[in-house]
Amino acid sequence: MRIAIDAMGGDHAPEAIVEGTIKAAGTFPDLQFVLVGDREKLAPLVGEQSRIDILHTTEKIEGTDAPVQAVRRKKQASMVLAVQEVREGRCAAAISAGNTGALMASGLFGVGRIKGIDRPALAPTLPTIDENKGFLFLDVGANAETKPENLLQYATMGSIYAEKVMHRSNPRIGLLNIGEEPGKGNELVKKAYQLLSEAPIHFIGNVESRELLQGPADVIVADGFSGNLVLKSIEGTAMSLFGILKDTLGGSLYTKVLTGLMYGKLKNIKKRMDYSAYGGALLFGLSAPIIKVHGAAKSEAIFAAVRQAKVLVEEDVVSIIEQTIHDVDHTWLNRKI
């Protein structure tokens, strides 16, 4: 199995990208990799790695670039070429820590959508208080404007993923809202609630954002605007709390000694709340595995994304979603209110 990795995308590229790839190569002997980027910068970092090839390009898409225009204009950009490797069958999956909108556009133009899915969704797995549990959260930013039927499609794909990859029996599907009552929320959420209630999935109703880390559902569905706000709020809160802990526990000799005694426990807490350990965010709805890693990703996140891609390909998840969508009664999947 070959995996294409955009070596020039992200805040810590190319060093962190290469480091994570080398670790993955050492852990998974059945994998081969194509690092897409500037050979002059990558070759010294890669060294003598027989299962890591370099596809040379000096062009990259910046975080400030307009996504669609950049993909159309920069046809030799590292991200675009990584997706192209998947489209042309040389690689089974692609990973990038670059511009999210551009990766979505590259995926749409490159590998295309699953038939029956109108808009792909960006979906990371986030941690919960229950260790090794986690929940799938979609959409977290692929689509700022969403229709009720899009949320129904997200819920359907999320349910399949939770069952087949997360191994959750009869996965619980929740709808992000400002209250638990069915009548809460704006028109989008109210209509989506009705659609999800009538769909052949295990819909448990509305879930408030304050409950998410308690693990009330295996899959949480949201429009991309709200989902992105909640995701970044969770990220910011976690960073702030760890910052406060660091300042507090390092303030005196007594607290430093106490921190030393509690180091293992504190490290475990940080590890449990690190969502990058689950891998990247899959672009659900595309006809091949394309994974978006956080822009600030370091080597551990790249390694986790490779592990995630390996499972996605081995379990044939995209095909399962595609076949399930094809087999279902489209009168409810594409139903509108």
Foldseek 3Di string as FASTA:
>chain_A
DEEEEAQAAFDDGNQQLLLLVVVLCVVDVVYAYEYEEACVVVDVNNDPDPRYHYHYDHAADAQPDDQQVCCVVCVSHSLLVNLQCCLVPVHQEYEHQHHPQNNLNSLCVRQRFQPLADFWAWWFWFFAPPFPQTAIEIHAANAQDDALLNLLLVQLLRQLCCCLPVVDDLWEEEEEFQDQDLPGDDPRSNQNQVLNVPDPGRYPGYDYLVCVRNPPTRYYTYGNNVNNVSVVVLVVVVVVVVVVLVCVLPPDPVSVVVCVVCVVVVVVVVVSRPSLLQEFIFRGGGQGTYGHHHSNDGSNSSNNNVVVNVSCVVSVSSVVSSVVSVPDDSCSSNPHD
